[in-house]
N, C-alpha and C. Protein backbone atom coordinates (compact mmCIF):
# COMPACT_ATOMS: atom_id res chain seq x y z
N MET A 1 235.31 159.45 227.10
CA MET A 1 234.32 159.81 226.16
C MET A 1 233.57 158.69 225.94
N ASN A 2 232.24 158.56 225.88
CA ASN A 2 231.43 157.46 225.90
C ASN A 2 231.10 157.36 224.30
N GLU A 3 230.56 156.13 223.82
CA GLU A 3 230.57 155.83 222.58
C GLU A 3 229.41 156.70 221.71
N LYS A 4 228.40 156.89 222.29
CA LYS A 4 227.65 157.88 221.59
C LYS A 4 228.16 159.48 221.57
N GLN A 5 228.97 159.75 222.46
CA GLN A 5 229.47 161.16 222.36
C GLN A 5 230.56 161.03 220.91
N LYS A 6 231.63 160.07 220.86
CA LYS A 6 232.27 159.85 219.73
C LYS A 6 231.62 160.00 218.60
N VAL A 7 230.92 158.97 218.17
CA VAL A 7 230.12 159.36 216.96
C VAL A 7 229.35 160.55 216.58
N GLY A 8 228.56 161.00 217.63
CA GLY A 8 227.90 162.37 217.59
C GLY A 8 228.79 163.27 217.20
N GLU A 9 230.04 163.79 217.80
CA GLU A 9 230.94 164.58 217.66
C GLU A 9 231.60 164.44 216.33
N LYS A 10 231.61 163.19 215.83
CA LYS A 10 232.25 163.02 214.59
C LYS A 10 231.62 163.77 213.45
N ALA A 11 230.30 163.57 213.64
CA ALA A 11 229.33 164.09 212.51
C ALA A 11 229.38 165.61 212.48
N ALA A 12 230.07 166.30 213.42
CA ALA A 12 230.05 167.72 213.16
C ALA A 12 231.17 168.14 212.49
N ASP A 13 232.11 167.17 212.12
CA ASP A 13 233.13 167.46 211.01
C ASP A 13 232.59 167.58 209.78
N TYR A 14 231.46 167.21 209.21
CA TYR A 14 230.90 167.49 207.94
C TYR A 14 230.24 168.79 207.92
N VAL A 15 229.96 169.42 208.93
CA VAL A 15 229.51 170.77 208.91
C VAL A 15 230.52 171.91 208.39
N LYS A 16 229.93 172.41 207.71
CA LYS A 16 230.89 173.84 206.90
C LYS A 16 230.10 175.03 206.99
N ASP A 17 230.89 176.09 207.18
CA ASP A 17 230.31 177.52 207.28
C ASP A 17 229.27 177.68 206.28
N GLY A 18 228.27 178.44 206.69
CA GLY A 18 227.29 178.70 205.61
C GLY A 18 226.06 177.83 205.32
N MET A 19 226.36 176.74 206.16
CA MET A 19 225.44 175.31 205.59
C MET A 19 223.86 175.68 206.53
N VAL A 20 222.91 175.00 205.88
CA VAL A 20 221.56 174.83 206.53
C VAL A 20 221.61 173.34 206.91
N ILE A 21 221.48 173.17 208.23
CA ILE A 21 221.44 171.89 208.82
C ILE A 21 220.41 171.58 209.44
N GLY A 22 219.69 170.26 209.15
CA GLY A 22 218.72 169.45 209.61
C GLY A 22 219.18 168.93 211.14
N LEU A 23 218.58 169.34 212.13
CA LEU A 23 219.05 169.03 213.57
C LEU A 23 218.01 167.89 213.88
N GLY A 24 218.92 166.56 214.32
CA GLY A 24 217.89 165.55 214.62
C GLY A 24 217.48 165.37 215.99
N THR A 25 217.08 164.49 216.46
CA THR A 25 216.60 164.23 217.94
C THR A 25 216.72 162.81 218.26
N GLY A 26 217.50 162.87 219.70
CA GLY A 26 217.70 161.60 220.27
C GLY A 26 218.98 161.78 220.95
N SER A 27 219.54 160.61 221.85
CA SER A 27 220.63 160.60 222.69
C SER A 27 222.04 160.89 222.04
N THR A 28 221.98 160.29 220.96
CA THR A 28 223.36 160.17 220.33
C THR A 28 223.63 161.55 219.49
N VAL A 29 222.38 162.11 218.79
CA VAL A 29 222.84 163.20 218.23
C VAL A 29 222.70 164.61 219.18
N PHE A 30 222.34 164.37 220.34
CA PHE A 30 222.70 165.20 221.18
C PHE A 30 224.23 165.93 221.11
N TYR A 31 224.80 165.02 221.34
CA TYR A 31 226.27 165.17 221.03
C TYR A 31 226.69 166.06 220.10
N THR A 32 226.18 165.86 219.10
CA THR A 32 226.36 166.50 217.77
C THR A 32 226.07 167.73 217.73
N LEU A 33 224.58 167.90 218.41
CA LEU A 33 224.14 169.40 218.64
C LEU A 33 225.21 170.34 219.71
N THR A 34 225.37 169.54 220.80
CA THR A 34 226.37 170.15 221.73
C THR A 34 227.58 170.65 220.99
N LYS A 35 228.22 169.93 220.36
CA LYS A 35 229.48 170.27 219.51
C LYS A 35 229.19 171.29 218.71
N LEU A 36 228.07 171.49 217.74
CA LEU A 36 227.82 172.35 217.11
C LEU A 36 227.71 173.83 217.75
N GLY A 37 226.99 173.72 218.95
CA GLY A 37 226.63 174.88 219.88
C GLY A 37 228.13 175.49 220.09
N GLN A 38 229.14 174.62 220.39
CA GLN A 38 230.47 174.89 220.85
C GLN A 38 231.13 175.82 219.49
N LEU A 39 230.82 175.13 218.61
CA LEU A 39 231.49 175.66 217.29
C LEU A 39 231.07 176.87 216.68
N VAL A 40 229.48 177.19 216.94
CA VAL A 40 228.86 178.48 216.51
C VAL A 40 229.48 179.45 217.44
N GLN A 41 229.72 179.09 219.04
CA GLN A 41 230.18 180.02 219.92
C GLN A 41 231.71 180.60 219.28
N GLN A 42 232.40 179.73 218.53
CA GLN A 42 233.66 180.02 218.07
C GLN A 42 233.58 180.50 216.94
N GLY A 43 232.70 180.96 216.33
CA GLY A 43 232.29 181.75 214.95
C GLY A 43 231.79 180.93 213.78
N LEU A 44 231.43 179.64 213.64
CA LEU A 44 230.75 179.03 212.67
C LEU A 44 229.45 179.75 212.41
N SER A 45 229.36 179.76 211.25
CA SER A 45 227.89 180.47 210.81
C SER A 45 227.01 179.38 210.01
N ILE A 46 226.00 179.08 210.75
CA ILE A 46 225.06 177.91 210.30
C ILE A 46 223.52 178.48 210.65
N LYS A 47 222.48 177.59 210.04
CA LYS A 47 221.35 178.00 210.40
C LYS A 47 220.95 176.39 210.32
N GLY A 48 220.08 176.11 211.52
CA GLY A 48 219.51 174.77 211.86
C GLY A 48 217.92 174.92 211.63
N ILE A 49 217.75 173.46 210.95
CA ILE A 49 216.15 173.22 211.17
C ILE A 49 215.71 172.22 212.01
N PRO A 50 215.02 172.29 213.15
CA PRO A 50 214.87 170.97 213.93
C PRO A 50 213.98 170.14 213.79
N THR A 51 214.24 169.05 214.03
CA THR A 51 213.08 167.82 213.81
C THR A 51 212.16 167.67 214.94
N SER A 52 212.31 168.56 216.15
CA SER A 52 211.22 168.30 217.14
C SER A 52 211.22 169.51 217.53
N LEU A 53 210.12 169.61 218.68
CA LEU A 53 210.18 170.75 219.81
C LEU A 53 211.24 170.68 220.88
N GLN A 54 211.57 169.28 221.12
CA GLN A 54 212.67 169.22 222.14
C GLN A 54 214.04 169.32 221.58
N THR A 55 214.37 169.31 220.18
CA THR A 55 215.40 169.70 219.56
C THR A 55 215.37 171.33 219.41
N GLU A 56 214.48 171.83 219.05
CA GLU A 56 214.01 173.14 219.12
C GLU A 56 214.70 173.82 220.33
N GLN A 57 214.29 173.50 221.41
CA GLN A 57 214.49 174.19 222.55
C GLN A 57 216.15 173.88 222.80
N LEU A 58 217.02 172.80 222.62
CA LEU A 58 218.04 172.45 223.08
C LEU A 58 218.80 173.49 222.19
N ALA A 59 218.61 173.53 220.80
CA ALA A 59 219.39 174.37 220.03
C ALA A 59 219.20 175.59 220.39
N ARG A 60 218.22 176.42 220.83
CA ARG A 60 218.18 177.65 221.28
C ARG A 60 219.04 177.56 222.58
N GLU A 61 219.19 176.67 223.63
CA GLU A 61 219.82 176.76 224.80
C GLU A 61 221.20 176.98 224.30
N LEU A 62 221.79 176.23 223.12
CA LEU A 62 223.27 176.22 222.80
C LEU A 62 223.65 177.19 221.92
N GLY A 63 222.72 178.05 221.66
CA GLY A 63 223.05 179.15 220.60
C GLY A 63 223.40 178.81 219.19
N ILE A 64 222.26 177.88 218.88
CA ILE A 64 222.44 177.63 217.30
C ILE A 64 221.09 178.24 216.75
N PRO A 65 221.78 179.12 215.77
CA PRO A 65 220.64 179.89 215.06
C PRO A 65 219.54 178.83 214.24
N LEU A 66 218.25 179.28 214.50
CA LEU A 66 217.55 178.39 213.58
C LEU A 66 216.74 179.00 212.46
N ALA A 67 215.98 178.29 211.63
CA ALA A 67 215.58 179.00 210.42
C ALA A 67 213.91 178.13 210.44
N ALA A 68 213.12 178.58 209.73
CA ALA A 68 211.92 177.87 209.19
C ALA A 68 212.14 177.54 207.68
N PHE A 69 211.09 176.55 207.21
CA PHE A 69 211.42 176.05 205.81
C PHE A 69 211.08 177.34 204.67
N ASN A 70 210.40 178.31 205.27
CA ASN A 70 210.00 179.28 204.10
C ASN A 70 211.13 180.35 204.01
N GLU A 71 212.32 180.16 205.04
CA GLU A 71 213.17 181.30 205.12
C GLU A 71 214.39 180.75 204.45
N ILE A 72 214.58 179.26 203.68
CA ILE A 72 215.64 178.70 203.29
C ILE A 72 215.19 178.16 201.76
N ASP A 73 216.34 177.85 201.21
CA ASP A 73 216.18 177.31 199.92
C ASP A 73 216.48 175.86 199.80
N GLN A 74 217.22 175.36 200.72
CA GLN A 74 217.77 174.07 200.60
C GLN A 74 218.34 173.56 201.94
N ILE A 75 218.24 172.50 202.10
CA ILE A 75 218.97 171.86 203.36
C ILE A 75 220.21 171.00 202.99
N ASP A 76 221.47 171.77 203.39
CA ASP A 76 222.74 171.17 202.89
C ASP A 76 222.80 169.90 203.57
N LEU A 77 222.74 169.77 204.81
CA LEU A 77 222.97 168.37 205.55
C LEU A 77 222.08 168.18 206.63
N ALA A 78 221.69 166.94 206.81
CA ALA A 78 220.86 166.54 208.07
C ALA A 78 221.44 165.50 208.82
N ILE A 79 221.57 165.62 210.14
CA ILE A 79 222.29 164.67 211.07
C ILE A 79 221.08 164.15 211.85
N ASP A 80 220.99 162.97 212.01
CA ASP A 80 220.05 162.28 213.26
C ASP A 80 220.50 161.00 213.41
N GLY A 81 219.80 160.38 214.57
CA GLY A 81 220.16 159.12 215.11
C GLY A 81 219.29 157.93 214.54
N ALA A 82 219.38 156.73 215.00
CA ALA A 82 218.64 155.70 214.44
C ALA A 82 218.32 154.76 215.74
N ASP A 83 216.99 153.80 215.62
CA ASP A 83 216.97 152.78 216.52
C ASP A 83 217.58 151.54 215.75
N GLU A 84 217.61 151.30 214.72
CA GLU A 84 218.35 150.16 214.00
C GLU A 84 218.73 150.63 212.73
N VAL A 85 219.79 150.15 212.36
CA VAL A 85 220.55 150.09 211.01
C VAL A 85 220.96 149.16 210.38
N ASN A 86 220.67 148.57 209.08
CA ASN A 86 221.12 147.20 208.60
C ASN A 86 222.25 147.53 207.57
N PRO A 87 222.64 146.62 206.91
CA PRO A 87 223.98 146.77 206.05
C PRO A 87 223.66 147.41 205.11
N ASP A 88 222.49 147.60 204.38
CA ASP A 88 222.11 148.67 203.49
C ASP A 88 221.95 149.76 203.68
N LEU A 89 221.82 150.29 205.00
CA LEU A 89 221.85 151.62 205.55
C LEU A 89 220.56 151.94 205.43
N ASN A 90 219.36 151.00 205.61
CA ASN A 90 217.97 151.23 205.78
C ASN A 90 217.69 151.16 207.39
N LEU A 91 217.06 152.11 207.60
CA LEU A 91 216.81 152.38 209.18
C LEU A 91 215.36 152.11 209.70
N ILE A 92 215.31 152.05 210.97
CA ILE A 92 213.95 152.13 211.76
C ILE A 92 214.37 153.19 212.74
N LYS A 93 213.34 154.45 212.65
CA LYS A 93 213.56 155.49 213.52
C LYS A 93 212.30 155.76 214.18
N GLY A 94 212.16 156.71 215.22
CA GLY A 94 210.85 157.10 215.70
C GLY A 94 210.64 156.50 217.02
N GLY A 95 211.95 156.14 217.76
CA GLY A 95 211.66 155.96 219.13
C GLY A 95 211.20 157.15 220.01
N GLY A 96 211.93 158.13 219.57
CA GLY A 96 211.96 159.50 220.17
C GLY A 96 210.52 160.07 219.94
N GLY A 97 209.85 159.51 218.75
CA GLY A 97 208.23 160.17 218.50
C GLY A 97 208.38 161.19 217.39
N ALA A 98 209.54 161.32 216.51
CA ALA A 98 209.56 162.58 216.05
C ALA A 98 209.86 162.24 214.39
N LEU A 99 209.16 160.94 214.18
CA LEU A 99 209.58 160.21 212.92
C LEU A 99 209.26 161.03 211.84
N LEU A 100 207.90 161.94 211.59
CA LEU A 100 207.48 162.44 210.38
C LEU A 100 208.33 163.53 210.28
N ARG A 101 208.60 164.61 211.12
CA ARG A 101 209.47 165.64 210.96
C ARG A 101 210.95 164.98 210.44
N GLU A 102 211.17 164.05 211.26
CA GLU A 102 212.76 163.62 210.72
C GLU A 102 212.76 163.20 209.12
N LYS A 103 211.43 162.54 208.92
CA LYS A 103 211.76 161.98 207.66
C LYS A 103 211.64 162.97 206.47
N ILE A 104 210.75 164.21 206.83
CA ILE A 104 210.55 165.36 206.09
C ILE A 104 211.96 165.93 205.82
N ILE A 105 212.48 166.17 207.11
CA ILE A 105 213.96 166.83 206.96
C ILE A 105 215.03 165.84 206.26
N ALA A 106 214.96 164.86 206.28
CA ALA A 106 216.29 163.79 205.72
C ALA A 106 215.83 163.73 204.54
N LYS A 107 214.64 163.87 203.84
CA LYS A 107 214.41 163.78 202.39
C LYS A 107 214.74 165.00 201.67
N ALA A 108 214.59 166.18 202.53
CA ALA A 108 214.84 167.42 201.86
C ALA A 108 216.44 167.70 201.85
N ALA A 109 216.98 166.99 202.68
CA ALA A 109 218.71 167.08 202.69
C ALA A 109 219.27 166.84 201.51
N ASP A 110 220.46 167.56 201.07
CA ASP A 110 221.26 166.96 200.14
C ASP A 110 221.98 165.89 200.57
N THR A 111 222.47 165.74 201.80
CA THR A 111 223.12 164.57 202.41
C THR A 111 222.35 164.40 203.82
N PHE A 112 222.25 163.06 204.00
CA PHE A 112 221.69 162.89 205.45
C PHE A 112 222.88 161.62 206.00
N ILE A 113 223.20 162.35 207.21
CA ILE A 113 224.07 161.43 207.85
C ILE A 113 223.35 161.05 209.39
N VAL A 114 223.83 159.76 209.54
CA VAL A 114 223.13 158.85 210.69
C VAL A 114 224.25 158.66 211.52
N VAL A 115 223.95 159.09 212.86
CA VAL A 115 224.99 158.77 213.87
C VAL A 115 224.28 157.73 214.82
N ALA A 116 224.77 156.59 215.08
CA ALA A 116 224.41 155.17 215.87
C ALA A 116 225.62 154.45 216.42
N ASP A 117 225.11 154.34 217.78
CA ASP A 117 226.04 153.56 218.45
C ASP A 117 226.09 151.87 217.94
N SER A 118 227.19 151.26 218.25
CA SER A 118 227.09 150.01 217.37
C SER A 118 226.09 148.73 218.03
N HIS A 119 225.36 149.00 219.00
CA HIS A 119 224.20 148.46 219.66
C HIS A 119 223.10 148.55 218.42
N LYS A 120 223.26 149.69 217.52
CA LYS A 120 222.22 149.86 216.97
C LYS A 120 222.39 149.07 215.23
N MET A 121 223.41 148.54 215.01
CA MET A 121 223.64 147.98 213.73
C MET A 121 223.20 146.66 214.11
N VAL A 122 222.38 146.06 212.99
CA VAL A 122 221.69 144.96 213.11
C VAL A 122 221.98 144.15 211.66
N ASP A 123 221.60 143.06 211.55
CA ASP A 123 221.45 142.22 210.25
C ASP A 123 220.42 142.60 209.42
N THR A 124 219.23 142.36 210.10
CA THR A 124 218.08 142.47 209.78
C THR A 124 217.14 143.51 210.54
N LEU A 125 216.46 144.24 210.17
CA LEU A 125 215.56 145.39 210.77
C LEU A 125 214.42 144.41 211.21
N GLY A 126 213.78 144.96 212.53
CA GLY A 126 212.74 144.45 213.10
C GLY A 126 212.71 144.23 214.66
N SER A 127 213.83 144.09 215.26
CA SER A 127 213.82 143.54 216.83
C SER A 127 213.32 144.81 217.60
N PHE A 128 213.55 146.01 216.92
CA PHE A 128 212.87 147.19 217.49
C PHE A 128 211.67 147.49 216.92
N PRO A 129 210.49 147.55 217.82
CA PRO A 129 209.13 147.92 217.31
C PRO A 129 209.23 149.01 216.33
N LEU A 130 208.45 148.88 215.17
CA LEU A 130 208.35 149.98 214.16
C LEU A 130 207.46 150.79 214.51
N PRO A 131 207.65 152.11 214.82
CA PRO A 131 206.78 153.28 215.01
C PRO A 131 205.92 153.53 214.07
N VAL A 132 204.64 153.60 213.74
CA VAL A 132 203.75 154.15 212.81
C VAL A 132 202.88 155.19 213.29
N GLU A 133 203.00 156.39 212.67
CA GLU A 133 202.34 157.49 213.16
C GLU A 133 201.11 157.52 212.56
N VAL A 134 199.87 157.64 213.31
CA VAL A 134 198.45 157.71 213.00
C VAL A 134 197.95 158.78 213.24
N VAL A 135 196.56 159.16 212.50
CA VAL A 135 195.68 160.28 213.00
C VAL A 135 194.93 159.48 214.16
N PRO A 136 194.44 160.21 215.21
CA PRO A 136 193.47 159.55 216.01
C PRO A 136 192.31 159.10 215.54
N PHE A 137 191.73 159.98 214.50
CA PHE A 137 190.41 159.41 213.98
C PHE A 137 190.25 158.21 213.62
N GLY A 138 189.59 157.24 213.81
CA GLY A 138 189.32 155.87 213.47
C GLY A 138 190.77 154.99 213.60
N MET A 139 191.43 155.48 214.48
CA MET A 139 192.56 154.56 215.15
C MET A 139 192.23 153.02 215.18
N GLU A 140 191.11 152.87 215.73
CA GLU A 140 190.77 151.28 215.78
C GLU A 140 190.76 150.65 214.53
N MET A 141 190.29 151.19 213.43
CA MET A 141 190.46 150.62 212.11
C MET A 141 191.92 150.64 211.46
N THR A 142 192.60 151.62 211.90
CA THR A 142 193.97 151.68 211.54
C THR A 142 194.71 150.54 212.22
N ARG A 143 194.43 150.25 213.27
CA ARG A 143 195.38 149.12 214.05
C ARG A 143 194.90 147.99 213.43
N LYS A 144 193.46 147.56 213.12
CA LYS A 144 193.26 146.40 212.35
C LYS A 144 193.89 146.24 211.01
N TYR A 145 194.10 147.14 210.30
CA TYR A 145 194.92 147.03 209.10
C TYR A 145 196.19 146.88 209.32
N LEU A 146 196.88 147.33 210.48
CA LEU A 146 198.21 147.01 210.52
C LEU A 146 198.34 145.63 211.15
N GLU A 147 197.40 145.05 211.71
CA GLU A 147 197.36 143.52 211.95
C GLU A 147 197.31 142.80 211.13
N GLU A 148 196.71 143.13 210.00
CA GLU A 148 196.52 142.35 208.71
C GLU A 148 197.81 142.39 207.79
N LEU A 149 198.52 143.43 207.94
CA LEU A 149 199.76 143.35 207.42
C LEU A 149 200.81 142.56 208.19
N GLY A 150 200.45 142.14 209.17
CA GLY A 150 201.31 140.99 209.80
C GLY A 150 202.18 141.88 211.29
N GLY A 151 201.65 142.98 211.47
CA GLY A 151 202.16 143.68 212.54
C GLY A 151 201.46 143.34 214.19
N SER A 152 201.89 143.62 215.18
CA SER A 152 201.32 143.50 216.45
C SER A 152 201.51 144.70 217.04
N PRO A 153 200.34 145.61 216.63
CA PRO A 153 200.54 147.26 217.17
C PRO A 153 200.26 147.43 218.61
N LYS A 154 201.05 148.35 219.04
CA LYS A 154 200.52 148.60 220.63
C LYS A 154 200.66 150.17 220.62
N LEU A 155 199.74 150.61 221.07
CA LEU A 155 199.52 152.24 221.25
C LEU A 155 200.19 152.69 222.30
N ARG A 156 201.40 153.68 221.66
CA ARG A 156 202.46 154.19 222.65
C ARG A 156 201.57 155.16 223.68
N GLN A 157 201.93 155.14 225.03
CA GLN A 157 201.62 155.54 225.98
C GLN A 157 202.40 156.64 226.73
N LYS A 158 202.06 157.74 227.22
CA LYS A 158 202.90 158.47 228.19
C LYS A 158 201.86 158.95 229.32
N ASN A 159 202.44 158.68 230.50
CA ASN A 159 201.66 159.18 231.67
C ASN A 159 200.28 158.58 231.95
N GLY A 160 200.16 157.72 231.38
CA GLY A 160 198.68 156.93 231.43
C GLY A 160 197.72 157.13 230.29
N SER A 161 198.22 158.01 229.36
CA SER A 161 197.55 158.44 228.36
C SER A 161 198.18 158.34 226.89
N ALA A 162 197.37 158.38 225.83
CA ALA A 162 198.00 158.04 224.74
C ALA A 162 198.96 159.21 224.21
N TYR A 163 200.36 158.65 224.07
CA TYR A 163 201.12 159.67 223.61
C TYR A 163 200.81 160.21 222.28
N GLN A 164 200.84 161.76 222.07
CA GLN A 164 200.90 162.29 221.16
C GLN A 164 202.18 163.04 220.43
N THR A 165 202.22 163.11 219.50
CA THR A 165 203.56 163.63 218.65
C THR A 165 203.43 165.23 218.68
N ASP A 166 204.50 165.72 218.13
CA ASP A 166 204.43 167.34 217.93
C ASP A 166 203.47 167.70 217.11
N ASN A 167 202.88 166.81 216.03
CA ASN A 167 201.84 167.00 215.20
C ASN A 167 200.68 166.75 215.43
N GLY A 168 200.45 166.26 216.95
CA GLY A 168 199.06 166.03 217.40
C GLY A 168 198.76 164.58 216.78
N HIS A 169 199.52 163.71 216.65
CA HIS A 169 199.04 162.43 215.99
C HIS A 169 199.51 161.41 217.12
N TYR A 170 198.98 160.04 216.78
CA TYR A 170 199.37 158.88 217.74
C TYR A 170 200.46 158.11 217.28
N ILE A 171 201.07 157.22 218.00
CA ILE A 171 201.89 156.24 217.47
C ILE A 171 201.47 154.81 217.89
N PHE A 172 201.37 153.87 216.98
CA PHE A 172 201.35 152.58 217.10
C PHE A 172 202.86 151.97 216.97
N ASP A 173 203.57 151.20 218.01
CA ASP A 173 204.80 150.65 218.03
C ASP A 173 204.51 149.16 217.58
N CYS A 174 204.84 148.82 216.32
CA CYS A 174 204.34 147.47 215.84
C CYS A 174 205.45 146.38 215.69
N SER A 175 205.33 145.44 216.37
CA SER A 175 206.23 144.46 216.12
C SER A 175 206.15 143.52 214.80
N PHE A 176 207.22 143.30 213.85
CA PHE A 176 206.90 142.77 212.87
C PHE A 176 207.87 141.51 212.60
N ARG A 177 208.75 141.38 213.80
CA ARG A 177 209.81 140.53 213.79
C ARG A 177 210.78 140.73 212.85
N GLU A 178 211.08 139.78 211.90
CA GLU A 178 211.91 140.40 210.88
C GLU A 178 211.37 140.99 209.53
N ILE A 179 212.00 142.18 209.30
CA ILE A 179 211.57 142.94 208.39
C ILE A 179 212.47 142.87 207.05
N THR A 180 212.42 141.78 206.31
CA THR A 180 213.20 141.36 205.24
C THR A 180 212.97 142.30 203.97
N HIS A 181 211.91 142.81 203.72
CA HIS A 181 211.71 143.42 202.60
C HIS A 181 211.41 144.99 202.91
N PRO A 182 212.14 145.97 203.72
CA PRO A 182 211.53 147.02 204.13
C PRO A 182 210.99 148.22 203.44
N GLY A 183 211.59 148.02 202.01
CA GLY A 183 210.85 149.12 200.91
C GLY A 183 209.26 148.73 200.57
N ASP A 184 209.07 147.33 200.72
CA ASP A 184 207.90 146.82 200.60
C ASP A 184 207.03 147.27 201.53
N LEU A 185 207.13 147.14 202.82
CA LEU A 185 206.50 147.27 204.02
C LEU A 185 206.41 148.93 204.09
N GLU A 186 207.19 149.63 203.97
CA GLU A 186 207.23 151.22 203.98
C GLU A 186 205.99 151.62 203.18
N ARG A 187 205.93 150.99 201.95
CA ARG A 187 204.97 151.46 200.83
C ARG A 187 203.61 151.10 201.51
N ASP A 188 203.52 149.81 201.96
CA ASP A 188 202.13 149.38 202.17
C ASP A 188 201.51 149.94 203.25
N LEU A 189 202.34 150.33 204.25
CA LEU A 189 201.80 150.78 205.61
C LEU A 189 201.60 152.28 205.13
N ASN A 190 201.98 152.97 204.48
CA ASN A 190 201.72 154.35 203.88
C ASN A 190 200.42 154.32 203.12
N LEU A 191 200.01 152.99 202.53
CA LEU A 191 198.88 152.88 201.87
C LEU A 191 197.48 153.01 202.76
N ILE A 192 197.85 152.79 203.96
CA ILE A 192 196.64 152.33 204.97
C ILE A 192 196.13 153.73 205.09
N PRO A 193 194.65 153.99 204.90
CA PRO A 193 194.03 155.43 205.25
C PRO A 193 194.13 155.37 206.68
N GLY A 194 194.83 156.87 207.49
CA GLY A 194 194.80 156.92 208.68
C GLY A 194 196.23 156.84 209.26
N VAL A 195 197.37 155.96 208.42
CA VAL A 195 198.74 156.34 208.76
C VAL A 195 199.24 157.31 207.87
N VAL A 196 199.92 158.24 208.77
CA VAL A 196 200.76 159.55 208.34
C VAL A 196 201.84 158.96 207.57
N ASP A 197 202.53 158.53 208.56
CA ASP A 197 204.08 157.99 207.98
C ASP A 197 204.43 157.03 208.92
N ASN A 198 205.66 156.01 208.68
CA ASN A 198 206.03 155.13 209.32
C ASN A 198 207.64 155.35 209.46
N GLY A 199 208.35 154.61 210.58
CA GLY A 199 209.57 154.72 210.90
C GLY A 199 210.50 154.13 210.22
N LEU A 200 210.18 153.52 208.80
CA LEU A 200 211.36 153.00 207.98
C LEU A 200 211.82 154.07 207.20
N PHE A 201 213.02 154.06 207.09
CA PHE A 201 213.76 155.31 206.30
C PHE A 201 214.51 154.33 204.98
N VAL A 202 214.11 153.97 204.04
CA VAL A 202 214.81 153.04 202.94
C VAL A 202 215.25 153.82 202.02
N GLY A 203 216.85 153.87 201.94
CA GLY A 203 217.55 154.33 200.72
C GLY A 203 217.60 155.81 200.94
N MET A 204 217.52 156.39 202.23
CA MET A 204 217.64 157.76 202.73
C MET A 204 218.94 158.08 203.22
N ALA A 205 219.55 157.31 203.85
CA ALA A 205 220.91 157.57 204.56
C ALA A 205 221.83 157.33 203.67
N ASP A 206 222.82 158.68 203.67
CA ASP A 206 223.79 158.59 202.95
C ASP A 206 225.32 158.01 203.47
N ILE A 207 225.35 158.24 204.94
CA ILE A 207 226.48 158.19 205.53
C ILE A 207 225.84 157.65 206.88
N VAL A 208 226.56 156.59 207.50
CA VAL A 208 226.63 156.38 208.88
C VAL A 208 227.57 156.13 209.50
N ILE A 209 227.86 156.87 210.75
CA ILE A 209 228.98 156.87 211.53
C ILE A 209 228.42 156.43 212.48
N THR A 210 229.48 154.93 212.96
CA THR A 210 229.17 154.17 214.14
C THR A 210 230.58 153.61 214.60
N LEU A 211 230.64 153.08 215.89
CA LEU A 211 231.83 152.45 216.26
C LEU A 211 231.92 151.00 215.66
N ASP A 212 233.26 150.60 215.63
CA ASP A 212 233.76 149.45 215.08
C ASP A 212 234.62 148.64 215.64
N LEU A 213 234.70 147.22 215.70
CA LEU A 213 235.54 146.63 216.81
C LEU A 213 237.11 146.81 216.45
N HIS A 214 237.16 146.94 214.99
CA HIS A 214 238.61 147.05 214.64
C HIS A 214 239.27 148.40 214.29
N LYS A 215 238.45 149.56 214.42
CA LYS A 215 238.64 150.86 214.25
C LYS A 215 237.54 151.88 215.11
N GLU A 216 238.11 152.80 215.54
CA GLU A 216 237.26 153.73 216.45
C GLU A 216 235.97 153.97 215.65
N ILE A 217 236.28 154.62 214.92
CA ILE A 217 235.17 155.22 214.15
C ILE A 217 234.93 154.43 212.68
N ASP A 218 233.78 153.87 212.45
CA ASP A 218 233.51 153.33 211.08
C ASP A 218 232.25 154.17 210.51
N ILE A 219 232.90 154.72 209.22
CA ILE A 219 232.03 155.41 208.21
C ILE A 219 231.47 154.30 207.11
N ASN A 220 230.23 154.48 207.13
CA ASN A 220 229.73 153.50 205.90
C ASN A 220 229.07 154.61 205.12
N SER A 221 229.14 154.49 203.78
CA SER A 221 228.60 155.63 202.73
C SER A 221 228.19 154.82 201.75
N ARG A 222 226.69 155.41 201.23
CA ARG A 222 226.17 154.82 200.02
C ARG A 222 226.67 155.57 198.86
N LYS A 223 227.30 156.63 199.25
CA LYS A 223 228.00 157.65 197.91
C LYS A 223 229.17 157.16 197.52
């Protein structure tokens, strides 16, 4: 069993019968979803809210029942991955392009659990380029404003064209080097006209499940 599988499957232990679960996107949470699919086949009753079209397709293949926001009253638990996690449990997310839906679901959840292999744990955020989701209209000006904040934005590409999110937006991957004040940067980015949201998740993660050198599973909790 590899590292991602260990932490991904551990998150499934928090899922209880009758819960509404935010279903994340990415290579580590893939194992959470696979485990949940097995538990559903064994009788677990849950409803899932997927964070991406990719996750929606996978959940259907695994037999996990899905629901829409207008069909539920609350999200009990959201489980997702991260590209970087600092000691304060602040995150960079969005490497998979689903950051907007991920943030909407994480915010709506009573508890937000992050699964991350040990390589994602960092002292300071910023080595991983920060994804910023923007509307296509006027993106040239949006790029200029991102540069004025100290970022070096690069338009994400796929198959030779601008990558489009599930929401029809573009993503600038921005190098800010060291992000020492993630809350301030998150706010400043979202004040730029044309920015839909960014991949800084500040003060949102309640629990981070990762591997530790001294014990196989390390659970860091804000609560």
